[in-house]
Amino acid sequence: MRIRLIVTCLVDVMRAKIGLSAIKLLEAAGYEVVVPEAQTCCG
């Protein structure tokens, strides 16, 4: 199953390890994670 992960600006800029850990966790659970390249902000 493919899912889209939308991270907040704070995670993207200041806490990147949180986003990367979320991706690793989801992939370990068998998901294909897609992060939108054009996303600039969650709001």
Protein backbone atom coordinates (compact mmCIF):
# COMPACT_ATOMS: atom_id res chain seq x y z
CA MET A 1 0.00 0.00 0.00
CA ARG A 2 1.26 3.48 -0.85
CA ILE A 3 0.73 6.36 1.55
CA ARG A 4 1.55 10.05 1.38
CA LEU A 5 3.39 11.54 4.34
CA ILE A 6 2.83 15.25 4.79
CA VAL A 7 5.21 16.69 7.35
CA THR A 8 4.94 20.07 9.00
CA CYS A 9 7.37 22.90 8.32
CA LEU A 10 8.78 22.54 11.82
CA VAL A 11 9.61 18.87 11.29
CA ASP A 12 10.99 19.52 7.82
CA VAL A 13 13.32 22.34 8.91
CA MET A 14 14.11 21.85 12.59
CA ARG A 15 13.38 18.21 13.46
CA ALA A 16 14.18 16.27 10.30
CA LYS A 17 15.04 13.13 12.31
CA ILE A 18 11.38 12.85 13.34
CA GLY A 19 10.25 12.79 9.71
CA LEU A 20 12.94 10.32 8.72
CA SER A 21 12.06 8.07 11.65
CA ALA A 22 8.39 8.15 10.66
CA ILE A 23 9.33 7.06 7.13
CA LYS A 24 11.51 4.21 8.43
CA LEU A 25 8.75 3.04 10.75
CA LEU A 26 6.11 3.09 8.01
CA GLU A 27 8.39 1.30 5.56
CA ALA A 28 9.18 -1.34 8.17
CA ALA A 29 5.43 -1.88 8.49
CA GLY A 30 5.27 -2.59 4.76
CA TYR A 31 4.08 0.74 3.39
CA GLU A 32 5.51 2.60 0.41
CA VAL A 33 5.94 6.18 1.62
CA VAL A 34 5.63 9.12 -0.75
CA VAL A 35 6.62 12.60 0.41
CA PRO A 36 5.33 15.36 -1.90
CA GLU A 37 8.34 17.26 -3.29
CA ALA A 38 6.38 20.44 -3.96
CA GLN A 39 5.08 20.73 -0.42
CA THR A 40 6.42 23.87 1.24
CA CYS A 41 4.19 24.16 4.29
CA CYS A 42 1.46 22.18 5.96
CA GLY A 43 -0.81 25.21 6.19
